[in-house]
Amino acid sequence: MKTHIDLNQLIEGVCDAIIVADAQQKIVLWNAAATRIFGYSEVEALGQHLDMIVPERQLHRHNEGYAKSMSTGTTRYGSSLLKVPAKHKDGHPLSIAFTVGMLFDERHRATGVAAVIRDETERFAEERALKKRLADLETPSS
């Protein structure tokens, strides 16, 4: 039995952000989870540059990597989970984990990327607190 899947319903129904950007880093798809994580509505995000969610200190590295992916048609992050800082609309820092898939035209030229993003801010904070607690317990008292 074949089940019909509505792609729009799938994109809007998942808990992770799905963001698609073109070769110039302009956002062309922004789902409801992206709004929940980053604070920008779909209307605010569409057509904007990905820089709006990249922290200032990461911009150069991000832009270099994106340009390389567009010129080579490959990304080193396609098969692994990337953990990086990001920023919310109100400026507060986020910790995200995501995977990236390259998008291509009929001539197999890179035309953009699709990213599936999860907000890991709370989990990363808990992990840091646990590591600190363990370090404190391992440090001998004087």
C-alpha atoms as a PDB file:
ATOM      1  CA  MET A   1       0.000   0.000   0.000  1.00  0.00           C
ATOM      2  CA  LYS A   2       1.457   3.338  -1.060  1.00  0.00           C
ATOM      3  CA  THR A   3       0.876   6.323   1.223  1.00  0.00           C
ATOM      4  CA  HIS A   4       0.691   9.830  -0.185  1.00  0.00           C
ATOM      5  CA  ILE A   5       2.955  12.243   1.687  1.00  0.00           C
ATOM      6  CA  ASP A   6       2.344  15.962   1.535  1.00  0.00           C
ATOM      7  CA  LEU A   7       5.843  17.469   1.479  1.00  0.00           C
ATOM      8  CA  ASN A   8       4.662  20.825   2.847  1.00  0.00           C
ATOM      9  CA  GLN A   9       2.943  19.099   5.751  1.00  0.00           C
ATOM     10  CA  LEU A  10       6.132  17.151   6.451  1.00  0.00           C
ATOM     11  CA  ILE A  11       8.326  20.288   6.377  1.00  0.00           C
ATOM     12  CA  GLU A  12       5.989  22.174   8.694  1.00  0.00           C
ATOM     13  CA  GLY A  13       5.315  19.234  10.992  1.00  0.00           C
ATOM     14  CA  VAL A  14       8.848  18.268  11.991  1.00  0.00           C
ATOM     15  CA  CYS A  15      10.392  19.524  15.236  1.00  0.00           C
ATOM     16  CA  ASP A  16      13.714  20.444  13.624  1.00  0.00           C
ATOM     17  CA  ALA A  17      14.285  23.576  11.602  1.00  0.00           C
ATOM     18  CA  ILE A  18      14.513  23.105   7.861  1.00  0.00           C
ATOM     19  CA  ILE A  19      16.227  25.962   6.098  1.00  0.00           C
ATOM     20  CA  VAL A  20      17.053  26.081   2.398  1.00  0.00           C
ATOM     21  CA  ALA A  21      19.352  28.753   0.995  1.00  0.00           C
ATOM     22  CA  ASP A  22      20.394  29.458  -2.589  1.00  0.00           C
ATOM     23  CA  ALA A  23      23.962  29.810  -3.900  1.00  0.00           C
ATOM     24  CA  GLN A  24      24.111  33.430  -2.666  1.00  0.00           C
ATOM     25  CA  GLN A  25      22.998  32.376   0.846  1.00  0.00           C
ATOM     26  CA  LYS A  26      19.536  33.887   0.433  1.00  0.00           C
ATOM     27  CA  ILE A  27      16.933  31.958   2.416  1.00  0.00           C
ATOM     28  CA  VAL A  28      14.283  30.389   0.174  1.00  0.00           C
ATOM     29  CA  LEU A  29      12.612  27.996   2.660  1.00  0.00           C
ATOM     30  CA  TRP A  30      12.047  28.540   6.396  1.00  0.00           C
ATOM     31  CA  ASN A  31       9.762  26.241   8.352  1.00  0.00           C
ATOM     32  CA  ALA A  32       7.828  26.732  11.598  1.00  0.00           C
ATOM     33  CA  ALA A  33      10.545  25.070  13.674  1.00  0.00           C
ATOM     34  CA  ALA A  34      13.087  27.566  12.280  1.00  0.00           C
ATOM     35  CA  THR A  35      10.811  30.341  13.558  1.00  0.00           C
ATOM     36  CA  ARG A  36      10.617  28.695  16.986  1.00  0.00           C
ATOM     37  CA  ILE A  37      14.401  28.238  17.212  1.00  0.00           C
ATOM     38  CA  PHE A  38      15.671  31.481  15.684  1.00  0.00           C
ATOM     39  CA  GLY A  39      12.784  33.882  16.403  1.00  0.00           C
ATOM     40  CA  TYR A  40      12.303  35.187  12.849  1.00  0.00           C
ATOM     41  CA  SER A  41       8.962  34.625  11.155  1.00  0.00           C
ATOM     42  CA  GLU A  42       8.944  33.032   7.716  1.00  0.00           C
ATOM     43  CA  VAL A  43       8.118  36.442   6.193  1.00  0.00           C
ATOM     44  CA  GLU A  44      11.088  38.041   7.986  1.00  0.00           C
ATOM     45  CA  ALA A  45      13.501  35.262   6.974  1.00  0.00           C
ATOM     46  CA  LEU A  46      12.656  34.595   3.325  1.00  0.00           C
ATOM     47  CA  GLY A  47      15.008  36.450   1.006  1.00  0.00           C
ATOM     48  CA  GLN A  48      17.397  37.334   3.818  1.00  0.00           C
ATOM     49  CA  HIS A  49      21.062  36.297   3.979  1.00  0.00           C
ATOM     50  CA  LEU A  50      22.065  33.400   6.241  1.00  0.00           C
ATOM     51  CA  ASP A  51      24.308  35.855   8.108  1.00  0.00           C
ATOM     52  CA  MET A  52      21.279  36.777  10.199  1.00  0.00           C
ATOM     53  CA  ILE A  53      21.675  33.535  12.201  1.00  0.00           C
ATOM     54  CA  VAL A  54      25.495  33.298  12.132  1.00  0.00           C
ATOM     55  CA  PRO A  55      27.409  34.906  15.017  1.00  0.00           C
ATOM     56  CA  GLU A  56      29.797  37.687  14.013  1.00  0.00           C
ATOM     57  CA  ARG A  57      32.885  35.724  15.051  1.00  0.00           C
ATOM     58  CA  GLN A  58      31.854  32.818  12.795  1.00  0.00           C
ATOM     59  CA  LEU A  59      30.980  34.842   9.676  1.00  0.00           C
ATOM     60  CA  HIS A  60      34.321  34.607   7.863  1.00  0.00           C
ATOM     61  CA  ARG A  61      34.614  30.844   8.373  1.00  0.00           C
ATOM     62  CA  HIS A  62      30.972  30.297   7.437  1.00  0.00           C
ATOM     63  CA  ASN A  63      31.204  32.396   4.268  1.00  0.00           C
ATOM     64  CA  GLU A  64      34.446  30.706   3.180  1.00  0.00           C
ATOM     65  CA  GLY A  65      32.949  27.251   3.670  1.00  0.00           C
ATOM     66  CA  TYR A  66      29.736  28.155   1.870  1.00  0.00           C
ATOM     67  CA  ALA A  67      31.606  29.586  -1.126  1.00  0.00           C
ATOM     68  CA  LYS A  68      33.791  26.468  -1.307  1.00  0.00           C
ATOM     69  CA  SER A  69      30.713  24.218  -1.212  1.00  0.00           C
ATOM     70  CA  MET A  70      29.078  26.197  -4.021  1.00  0.00           C
ATOM     71  CA  SER A  71      32.206  26.041  -6.201  1.00  0.00           C
ATOM     72  CA  THR A  72      32.986  22.354  -5.588  1.00  0.00           C
ATOM     73  CA  GLY A  73      29.470  20.980  -5.180  1.00  0.00           C
ATOM     74  CA  THR A  74      30.519  19.163  -2.021  1.00  0.00           C
ATOM     75  CA  THR A  75      30.353  19.757   1.685  1.00  0.00           C
ATOM     76  CA  ARG A  76      32.306  18.035   4.395  1.00  0.00           C
ATOM     77  CA  TYR A  77      29.231  18.223   6.613  1.00  0.00           C
ATOM     78  CA  GLY A  78      26.891  16.091   4.543  1.00  0.00           C
ATOM     79  CA  SER A  79      27.477  12.883   6.440  1.00  0.00           C
ATOM     80  CA  SER A  80      28.173  14.165   9.921  1.00  0.00           C
ATOM     81  CA  LEU A  81      26.403  16.226  12.531  1.00  0.00           C
ATOM     82  CA  LEU A  82      27.916  19.691  12.789  1.00  0.00           C
ATOM     83  CA  LYS A  83      27.733  21.491  16.131  1.00  0.00           C
ATOM     84  CA  VAL A  84      28.170  25.263  15.959  1.00  0.00           C
ATOM     85  CA  PRO A  85      27.090  28.478  17.637  1.00  0.00           C
ATOM     86  CA  ALA A  86      24.233  30.467  16.115  1.00  0.00           C
ATOM     87  CA  LYS A  87      22.261  33.539  17.088  1.00  0.00           C
ATOM     88  CA  HIS A  88      18.616  34.229  17.823  1.00  0.00           C
ATOM     89  CA  LYS A  89      16.737  37.232  16.452  1.00  0.00           C
ATOM     90  CA  ASP A  90      17.044  38.959  19.826  1.00  0.00           C
ATOM     91  CA  GLY A  91      20.821  38.424  19.762  1.00  0.00           C
ATOM     92  CA  HIS A  92      21.117  35.720  22.398  1.00  0.00           C
ATOM     93  CA  PRO A  93      23.485  32.879  21.538  1.00  0.00           C
ATOM     94  CA  LEU A  94      22.280  29.442  20.507  1.00  0.00           C
ATOM     95  CA  SER A  95      24.062  26.117  20.206  1.00  0.00           C
ATOM     96  CA  ILE A  96      22.825  24.153  17.210  1.00  0.00           C
ATOM     97  CA  ALA A  97      23.524  20.793  15.628  1.00  0.00           C
ATOM     98  CA  PHE A  98      22.737  20.260  11.965  1.00  0.00           C
ATOM     99  CA  THR A  99      23.282  18.305   8.790  1.00  0.00           C
ATOM    100  CA  VAL A 100      23.553  19.793   5.315  1.00  0.00           C
ATOM    101  CA  GLY A 101      22.530  18.493   1.912  1.00  0.00           C
ATOM    102  CA  MET A 102      23.696  20.081  -1.316  1.00  0.00           C
ATOM    103  CA  LEU A 103      21.138  21.083  -3.966  1.00  0.00           C
ATOM    104  CA  PHE A 104      21.916  20.904  -7.698  1.00  0.00           C
ATOM    105  CA  ASP A 105      20.436  21.967 -11.008  1.00  0.00           C
ATOM    106  CA  GLU A 106      19.957  19.672 -14.016  1.00  0.00           C
ATOM    107  CA  ARG A 107      23.607  20.215 -15.049  1.00  0.00           C
ATOM    108  CA  HIS A 108      24.758  19.137 -11.592  1.00  0.00           C
ATOM    109  CA  ARG A 109      25.880  22.635 -10.608  1.00  0.00           C
ATOM    110  CA  ALA A 110      25.455  23.506  -6.941  1.00  0.00           C
ATOM    111  CA  THR A 111      22.478  25.809  -6.456  1.00  0.00           C
ATOM    112  CA  GLY A 112      22.197  25.889  -2.672  1.00  0.00           C
ATOM    113  CA  VAL A 113      21.920  23.885   0.504  1.00  0.00           C
ATOM    114  CA  ALA A 114      19.227  22.367   2.676  1.00  0.00           C
ATOM    115  CA  ALA A 115      19.955  22.209   6.401  1.00  0.00           C
ATOM    116  CA  VAL A 116      18.109  20.313   9.113  1.00  0.00           C
ATOM    117  CA  ILE A 117      18.830  22.056  12.405  1.00  0.00           C
ATOM    118  CA  ARG A 118      18.192  21.174  16.039  1.00  0.00           C
ATOM    119  CA  ASP A 119      18.486  23.583  18.963  1.00  0.00           C
ATOM    120  CA  GLU A 120      20.938  21.989  21.398  1.00  0.00           C
ATOM    121  CA  THR A 121      21.423  25.061  23.613  1.00  0.00           C
ATOM    122  CA  GLU A 122      19.887  23.549  26.730  1.00  0.00           C
ATOM    123  CA  ARG A 123      21.584  20.183  26.293  1.00  0.00           C
ATOM    124  CA  PHE A 124      24.995  21.805  25.691  1.00  0.00           C
ATOM    125  CA  ALA A 125      24.553  23.955  28.828  1.00  0.00           C
ATOM    126  CA  GLU A 126      23.700  20.850  30.859  1.00  0.00           C
ATOM    127  CA  GLU A 127      26.726  19.052  29.420  1.00  0.00           C
ATOM    128  CA  ARG A 128      29.034  21.972  30.313  1.00  0.00           C
ATOM    129  CA  ALA A 129      27.621  22.102  33.852  1.00  0.00           C
ATOM    130  CA  LEU A 130      28.148  18.354  34.269  1.00  0.00           C
ATOM    131  CA  LYS A 131      31.754  18.599  33.022  1.00  0.00           C
ATOM    132  CA  LYS A 132      32.401  21.447  35.448  1.00  0.00           C
ATOM    133  CA  ARG A 133      30.874  19.461  38.305  1.00  0.00           C
ATOM    134  CA  LEU A 134      33.028  16.443  37.445  1.00  0.00           C
ATOM    135  CA  ALA A 135      36.143  18.622  37.272  1.00  0.00           C
ATOM    136  CA  ASP A 136      35.269  20.130  40.675  1.00  0.00           C
ATOM    137  CA  LEU A 137      34.835  16.650  42.159  1.00  0.00           C
ATOM    138  CA  GLU A 138      38.174  15.493  40.732  1.00  0.00           C
ATOM    139  CA  THR A 139      40.035  18.514  42.109  1.00  0.00           C
ATOM    140  CA  PRO A 140      41.387  17.698  45.581  1.00  0.00           C
ATOM    141  CA  SER A 141      40.197  19.960  48.392  1.00  0.00           C
ATOM    142  CA  SER A 142      42.852  21.882  50.255  1.00  0.00           C
END
